[in-house]
Amino acid sequence: MHSRAFTTSPLRLDGVPIARPHPGACRHNSRTGKHCRGAGIVARAGVSEVLSQIADGVLAIPPTAFGAVGVMGLIGAALFVADPEKRRTAQTSSAGGDEKEAVKGYFNSVGFERWNKIYGTTDEISSVQKDIREGHAVTVDKVLKWIREDGSVQGISICDAGCGTGSLSIPLALQGADVYGSDISKAMADEAARRYQEQSRAEGSGQRAAPRFEAQDLESLTGSYNTVCCIDVLIHYPPDKMAAMVKHLASLAEGRLILSFAPSTPALLLLKRIGEFFPKGSKATRAYLHKEGAVEAALNEAGWKVTKREMTSTRFYYSKLFQAAPASL
């Protein structure tokens, strides 16, 4: 990216100052006369929407998504606002200083409303949220494919740790798996149960057991399962707690552990930091990225080895997927 692609004259979208693209960064468009690369994505979604979603949930944006609008311009905008760490501390304080309780409160209230829409079928969502929905669905499909590759799921015990609204639990249960889904949010767990009943009636009863959904945090999970899945949840665990959680999840699995996490790369770390400066008013949780090597090291220390890995990336959703098995197998 050449510095001459920007001028110092401020441009604002959604009230946020960004760098104005130099005329040389624009190319001719037969309909509008000219087109500035990258500006369309941000303009359609809205800067405040894009940036708040960077810091919320499993979401990161590669620098090329902004094109000529530019990451550097967004960094400049960030200098005009308050330190996000102070905001996050105040938000956690509202939950008695307990970050887990802050997450729980968020996903039982406005967070539930937001993510229930994203993981649902309504068209009343933004273009950014639609992209997240599609990215998450791709990740779920990959998990389902991996599990089916080992044969029928009929009767297999599966723990969906952090089940959300049941996007993974429900199809597994409908295919005959013995599913236990937990989520820190009672609202999410209840919605997952409701969606299962709705889809089960639509497909006919068949010979299958209904999944069990409960409001429970990951730390409280016990039992033993053939397969443990934890999809798009580790983003809520800071690096110093991620390894312990990976080992805990591994202790629950007998033969397979499937995890997804937002990968930590220099570009995504930068854009996440920028996004933290522009939260939606409802934003109340932190989002943590993890180095691929650190997650794999935690698995190795637990006596597990990575057997499959894939990356899911859309414009606004980035998630690394690991499947692991006991190293002794």
Protein backbone atom coordinates (compact mmCIF):
# COMPACT_ATOMS: atom_id res chain seq x y z
CA MET A 1 0.00 0.00 0.00
CA HIS A 2 1.52 3.34 -1.08
CA SER A 3 1.23 6.35 1.22
CA ARG A 4 0.34 8.58 -1.68
CA ALA A 5 -3.01 6.81 -1.91
CA PHE A 6 -4.21 8.96 1.01
CA THR A 7 -4.63 12.67 1.59
CA THR A 8 -4.86 14.44 4.94
CA SER A 9 -8.34 15.81 4.32
CA PRO A 10 -10.73 13.92 6.65
CA LEU A 11 -13.64 11.91 5.31
CA ARG A 12 -16.40 10.61 7.56
CA LEU A 13 -18.64 7.56 7.40
CA ASP A 14 -21.12 7.10 10.24
CA GLY A 15 -19.44 10.05 11.92
CA VAL A 16 -16.04 8.32 11.96
CA PRO A 17 -13.10 10.14 10.32
CA ILE A 18 -11.21 7.98 7.86
CA ALA A 19 -8.52 8.62 5.29
CA ARG A 20 -9.74 9.98 1.99
CA PRO A 21 -8.48 7.90 -0.95
CA HIS A 22 -6.25 9.70 -3.38
CA PRO A 23 -7.82 10.08 -6.83
CA GLY A 24 -5.13 7.77 -8.15
CA ALA A 25 -6.51 4.98 -6.00
CA CYS A 26 -9.83 5.09 -7.84
CA ARG A 27 -10.64 3.45 -11.13
CA HIS A 28 -13.31 4.22 -13.69
CA ASN A 29 -16.79 2.79 -13.24
CA SER A 30 -19.25 3.01 -16.13
CA ARG A 31 -22.21 3.65 -13.83
CA THR A 32 -20.83 6.10 -11.28
CA GLY A 33 -17.87 7.47 -13.18
CA LYS A 34 -15.30 6.21 -10.67
CA HIS A 35 -14.93 3.62 -7.97
CA CYS A 36 -12.56 3.55 -4.99
CA ARG A 37 -11.40 0.05 -4.19
CA GLY A 38 -12.57 -1.31 -0.87
CA ALA A 39 -14.80 1.64 -0.02
CA GLY A 40 -17.91 -0.23 -1.13
CA ILE A 41 -17.64 -2.87 1.58
CA VAL A 42 -17.32 -0.31 4.36
CA ALA A 43 -19.90 2.07 2.95
CA ARG A 44 -22.53 -0.65 2.52
CA ALA A 45 -22.06 -2.05 6.00
CA GLY A 46 -21.26 1.21 7.78
CA VAL A 47 -17.99 1.88 9.55
CA SER A 48 -19.46 1.68 13.05
CA GLU A 49 -21.12 -1.66 12.23
CA VAL A 50 -17.98 -3.16 10.70
CA LEU A 51 -15.68 -2.00 13.46
CA SER A 52 -17.95 -3.01 16.31
CA GLN A 53 -18.33 -6.46 14.80
CA ILE A 54 -14.53 -6.83 14.58
CA ALA A 55 -14.44 -6.72 18.36
CA ASP A 56 -17.57 -8.84 18.85
CA GLY A 57 -17.65 -12.60 18.55
CA VAL A 58 -15.70 -14.50 15.91
CA LEU A 59 -14.92 -11.78 13.47
CA ALA A 60 -11.85 -10.32 11.86
CA ILE A 61 -11.22 -8.46 8.62
CA PRO A 62 -8.15 -8.73 6.41
CA PRO A 63 -6.56 -5.39 5.45
CA THR A 64 -7.56 -5.91 1.81
CA ALA A 65 -11.24 -5.69 2.81
CA PHE A 66 -10.79 -1.95 3.27
CA GLY A 67 -8.75 -1.37 0.13
CA ALA A 68 -8.11 2.30 -0.51
CA VAL A 69 -10.15 3.38 2.49
CA GLY A 70 -7.26 1.89 4.35
CA VAL A 71 -6.30 0.48 7.69
CA MET A 72 -4.11 3.51 8.37
CA GLY A 73 -7.10 5.80 8.09
CA LEU A 74 -8.97 3.70 10.62
CA ILE A 75 -6.01 3.84 12.97
CA GLY A 76 -6.14 7.62 12.71
CA ALA A 77 -9.82 7.55 13.60
CA ALA A 78 -9.09 5.45 16.65
CA LEU A 79 -6.86 8.15 18.08
CA PHE A 80 -9.87 10.40 18.57
CA VAL A 81 -11.70 8.13 21.01
CA ALA A 82 -11.23 6.80 24.54
CA ASP A 83 -9.06 3.89 25.62
CA PRO A 84 -11.12 0.69 25.08
CA GLU A 85 -9.48 -0.96 28.10
CA LYS A 86 -11.15 1.57 30.39
CA ARG A 87 -14.52 0.89 28.73
CA ARG A 88 -14.12 -2.87 29.09
CA THR A 89 -13.10 -2.53 32.73
CA ALA A 90 -16.22 -0.49 33.42
CA GLN A 91 -18.39 -3.06 31.66
CA THR A 92 -16.89 -5.92 33.67
CA SER A 93 -17.34 -3.91 36.86
CA SER A 94 -21.07 -3.85 36.18
CA ALA A 95 -20.96 -7.64 36.63
CA GLY A 96 -19.09 -7.41 39.93
CA GLY A 97 -15.68 -7.58 38.26
CA ASP A 98 -16.31 -11.12 36.96
CA GLU A 99 -15.66 -11.31 33.22
CA LYS A 100 -17.47 -14.66 32.94
CA GLU A 101 -20.55 -13.12 34.54
CA ALA A 102 -20.30 -10.23 32.08
CA VAL A 103 -20.32 -12.73 29.20
CA LYS A 104 -23.24 -14.59 30.77
CA GLY A 105 -25.22 -11.39 31.24
CA TYR A 106 -24.53 -10.27 27.68
CA PHE A 107 -25.68 -13.55 26.10
CA ASN A 108 -28.79 -13.65 28.27
CA SER A 109 -29.86 -10.20 27.12
CA VAL A 110 -28.92 -8.04 24.15
CA GLY A 111 -26.25 -10.53 23.03
CA PHE A 112 -28.89 -13.22 22.76
CA GLU A 113 -31.07 -10.96 20.63
CA ARG A 114 -28.17 -10.18 18.30
CA TRP A 115 -26.79 -13.70 17.91
CA ASN A 116 -30.20 -15.35 17.78
CA LYS A 117 -30.83 -13.27 14.68
CA ILE A 118 -27.41 -14.03 13.21
CA TYR A 119 -27.83 -17.78 13.75
CA GLY A 120 -31.46 -17.70 12.60
CA THR A 121 -33.19 -17.23 9.26
CA THR A 122 -34.45 -13.66 9.48
CA ASP A 123 -33.49 -11.22 6.75
CA GLU A 124 -33.48 -8.36 9.26
CA ILE A 125 -29.72 -8.38 9.76
CA SER A 126 -26.89 -6.28 8.38
CA SER A 127 -24.60 -7.36 5.56
CA VAL A 128 -21.82 -7.91 8.10
CA GLN A 129 -24.03 -10.13 10.26
CA LYS A 130 -25.17 -12.07 7.21
CA ASP A 131 -21.54 -12.72 6.32
CA ILE A 132 -20.88 -13.98 9.87
CA ARG A 133 -23.92 -16.26 9.61
CA GLU A 134 -22.63 -17.74 6.37
CA GLY A 135 -19.10 -18.18 7.74
CA HIS A 136 -20.33 -19.91 10.88
CA ALA A 137 -22.52 -22.21 8.78
CA VAL A 138 -19.49 -23.23 6.72
CA THR A 139 -17.59 -24.11 9.91
CA VAL A 140 -20.53 -26.18 11.20
CA ASP A 141 -20.76 -28.02 7.88
CA LYS A 142 -17.06 -28.89 8.09
CA VAL A 143 -17.52 -30.29 11.60
CA LEU A 144 -20.49 -32.39 10.47
CA LYS A 145 -18.47 -33.68 7.52
CA TRP A 146 -15.55 -34.68 9.73
CA ILE A 147 -17.78 -36.56 12.15
CA ARG A 148 -19.67 -38.37 9.36
CA GLU A 149 -16.42 -39.45 7.70
CA ASP A 150 -15.96 -41.95 10.54
CA GLY A 151 -19.33 -43.55 9.85
CA SER A 152 -22.84 -43.23 11.21
CA VAL A 153 -23.41 -40.94 14.18
CA GLN A 154 -26.27 -43.15 15.41
CA GLY A 155 -25.92 -43.56 19.16
CA ILE A 156 -22.57 -41.74 19.43
CA SER A 157 -22.31 -39.55 22.54
CA ILE A 158 -21.44 -35.97 21.66
CA CYS A 159 -20.97 -32.94 23.89
CA ASP A 160 -21.52 -29.60 22.16
CA ALA A 161 -19.77 -27.26 24.61
CA GLY A 162 -21.07 -23.75 24.05
CA CYS A 163 -23.93 -24.90 21.85
CA GLY A 164 -25.49 -21.49 21.23
CA THR A 165 -28.83 -21.89 19.48
CA GLY A 166 -28.05 -25.46 18.42
CA SER A 167 -26.63 -25.03 14.92
CA LEU A 168 -24.38 -28.08 15.43
CA SER A 169 -26.31 -30.01 18.10
CA ILE A 170 -29.59 -30.14 16.22
CA PRO A 171 -28.40 -31.76 12.95
CA LEU A 172 -26.36 -34.28 14.94
CA ALA A 173 -29.37 -35.18 17.09
CA LEU A 174 -31.65 -35.44 14.07
CA GLN A 175 -29.20 -38.00 12.63
CA GLY A 176 -29.39 -40.12 15.76
CA ALA A 177 -26.47 -38.95 17.90
CA ASP A 178 -26.83 -38.82 21.68
CA VAL A 179 -26.22 -35.08 22.13
CA TYR A 180 -25.66 -33.00 25.23
CA GLY A 181 -25.53 -29.26 24.54
CA SER A 182 -24.49 -26.68 27.10
CA ASP A 183 -24.27 -22.93 26.96
CA ILE A 184 -23.46 -20.27 29.53
CA SER A 185 -26.68 -18.53 28.48
CA LYS A 186 -30.01 -20.00 29.55
CA ALA A 187 -31.65 -17.98 26.78
CA MET A 188 -29.42 -19.70 24.20
CA ALA A 189 -29.97 -23.20 25.64
CA ASP A 190 -33.73 -22.68 25.74
CA GLU A 191 -33.73 -21.44 22.16
CA ALA A 192 -31.72 -24.49 21.05
CA ALA A 193 -34.31 -26.78 22.66
CA ARG A 194 -37.14 -24.86 20.99
CA ARG A 195 -35.48 -25.05 17.58
CA TYR A 196 -34.90 -28.78 17.94
CA GLN A 197 -38.56 -29.42 18.71
CA GLU A 198 -39.58 -27.31 15.73
CA GLN A 199 -37.23 -29.07 13.31
CA SER A 200 -37.98 -32.51 14.74
CA ARG A 201 -41.71 -32.03 14.15
CA ALA A 202 -41.02 -30.84 10.61
CA GLU A 203 -38.94 -33.94 9.81
CA GLY A 204 -41.07 -36.50 11.68
CA SER A 205 -40.28 -38.27 14.92
CA GLY A 206 -38.05 -41.12 13.70
CA GLN A 207 -36.00 -43.29 16.05
CA ARG A 208 -33.90 -40.77 17.92
CA ALA A 209 -33.49 -39.29 21.35
CA ALA A 210 -33.98 -35.58 21.88
CA PRO A 211 -30.80 -33.69 22.74
CA ARG A 212 -30.40 -32.39 26.28
CA PHE A 213 -29.75 -28.67 26.52
CA GLU A 214 -28.67 -27.02 29.75
CA ALA A 215 -27.37 -23.64 30.90
CA GLN A 216 -23.89 -24.44 32.15
CA ASP A 217 -20.46 -22.87 31.76
CA LEU A 218 -17.61 -24.87 30.24
CA GLU A 219 -15.71 -25.06 33.51
CA SER A 220 -18.58 -27.00 35.11
CA LEU A 221 -18.83 -29.66 32.40
CA THR A 222 -18.30 -33.24 33.57
CA GLY A 223 -18.78 -36.70 32.10
CA SER A 224 -17.31 -38.68 29.26
CA TYR A 225 -18.24 -38.43 25.57
CA ASN A 226 -17.07 -40.07 22.39
CA THR A 227 -16.76 -36.62 20.82
CA VAL A 228 -16.50 -33.15 22.32
CA CYS A 229 -17.04 -30.08 20.12
CA CYS A 230 -16.38 -26.49 21.11
CA ILE A 231 -17.14 -24.20 18.17
CA ASP A 232 -16.58 -20.42 18.15
CA VAL A 233 -16.33 -20.27 21.95
CA LEU A 234 -12.61 -20.02 22.76
CA ILE A 235 -12.76 -16.40 21.63
CA HIS A 236 -14.17 -15.67 25.10
CA TYR A 237 -11.08 -17.10 26.85
CA PRO A 238 -7.90 -15.04 27.24
CA PRO A 239 -4.64 -16.75 26.23
CA ASP A 240 -3.65 -17.45 29.85
CA LYS A 241 -6.88 -19.41 30.38
CA MET A 242 -7.24 -20.96 26.93
CA ALA A 243 -4.74 -23.79 27.54
CA ALA A 244 -6.46 -24.91 30.74
CA MET A 245 -9.84 -24.91 28.98
CA VAL A 246 -8.49 -26.97 26.06
CA LYS A 247 -7.08 -29.52 28.51
CA HIS A 248 -10.39 -29.61 30.40
CA LEU A 249 -12.34 -30.26 27.21
CA ALA A 250 -9.84 -32.98 26.24
CA SER A 251 -10.46 -34.70 29.59
CA LEU A 252 -14.14 -35.08 28.65
CA ALA A 253 -13.49 -36.67 25.25
CA GLU A 254 -12.76 -40.34 24.62
CA GLY A 255 -11.88 -40.36 20.94
CA ARG A 256 -12.26 -36.97 19.29
CA LEU A 257 -12.07 -33.29 20.19
CA ILE A 258 -13.05 -30.59 17.69
CA LEU A 259 -12.23 -26.96 18.45
CA SER A 260 -12.45 -23.70 16.57
CA PHE A 261 -10.80 -20.42 17.46
CA ALA A 262 -10.10 -17.01 15.96
CA PRO A 263 -6.45 -17.15 14.82
CA SER A 264 -3.98 -14.58 16.06
CA THR A 265 -2.04 -12.95 13.24
CA PRO A 266 -0.48 -9.46 13.12
CA ALA A 267 -3.09 -8.18 10.67
CA LEU A 268 -6.06 -9.54 12.60
CA LEU A 269 -4.67 -8.33 15.92
CA LEU A 270 -4.36 -4.83 14.48
CA LEU A 271 -7.86 -4.79 13.08
CA LYS A 272 -9.33 -6.21 16.27
CA ARG A 273 -7.63 -3.44 18.23
CA ILE A 274 -9.10 -0.85 15.89
CA GLY A 275 -12.54 -2.42 16.21
CA GLU A 276 -12.39 -2.13 19.99
CA PHE A 277 -12.43 1.64 19.65
CA PHE A 278 -15.83 1.59 17.96
CA PRO A 279 -18.15 -0.67 19.98
CA LYS A 280 -21.87 -0.79 19.65
CA GLY A 281 -23.57 0.49 22.78
CA SER A 282 -24.52 -3.11 23.65
CA LYS A 283 -20.99 -4.50 23.35
CA ALA A 284 -20.05 -5.98 26.70
CA THR A 285 -17.57 -8.80 26.08
CA ARG A 286 -13.96 -9.11 25.02
CA ALA A 287 -12.86 -11.14 22.02
CA TYR A 288 -9.57 -13.02 22.23
CA LEU A 289 -7.47 -14.31 19.34
CA HIS A 290 -5.21 -17.34 19.80
CA LYS A 291 -1.99 -18.42 18.15
CA GLU A 292 -2.37 -21.70 16.31
CA GLY A 293 0.82 -23.04 17.87
CA ALA A 294 -0.42 -22.25 21.39
CA VAL A 295 -3.68 -24.16 20.87
CA GLU A 296 -1.82 -27.13 19.41
CA ALA A 297 0.69 -27.07 22.27
CA ALA A 298 -2.17 -27.21 24.80
CA LEU A 299 -3.57 -30.25 23.01
CA ASN A 300 -0.16 -31.94 22.97
CA GLU A 301 0.31 -31.30 26.70
CA ALA A 302 -3.06 -32.98 27.28
CA GLY A 303 -1.86 -36.04 25.37
CA TRP A 304 -3.70 -35.23 22.15
CA LYS A 305 -2.55 -34.64 18.57
CA VAL A 306 -4.11 -32.58 15.79
CA THR A 307 -5.32 -34.86 12.99
CA LYS A 308 -7.19 -32.38 10.82
CA ARG A 309 -7.16 -28.63 10.44
CA GLU A 310 -9.01 -26.18 8.22
CA MET A 311 -9.54 -22.45 7.96
CA THR A 312 -12.88 -20.80 7.30
CA SER A 313 -12.65 -17.25 6.04
CA THR A 314 -15.21 -14.90 4.58
CA ARG A 315 -15.02 -11.12 4.40
CA PHE A 316 -15.84 -10.73 8.09
CA TYR A 317 -15.49 -14.18 9.68
CA TYR A 318 -12.23 -15.98 10.36
CA SER A 319 -12.15 -19.28 12.28
CA LYS A 320 -9.48 -21.99 12.52
CA LEU A 321 -10.77 -25.51 13.02
CA PHE A 322 -8.84 -28.36 14.67
CA GLN A 323 -9.78 -32.01 15.07
CA ALA A 324 -7.67 -33.89 17.58
CA ALA A 325 -7.37 -37.47 18.81
CA PRO A 326 -5.50 -39.11 21.70
CA ALA A 327 -1.81 -39.30 20.81
CA SER A 328 -1.79 -42.96 21.84
CA LEU A 329 -4.16 -43.93 19.01
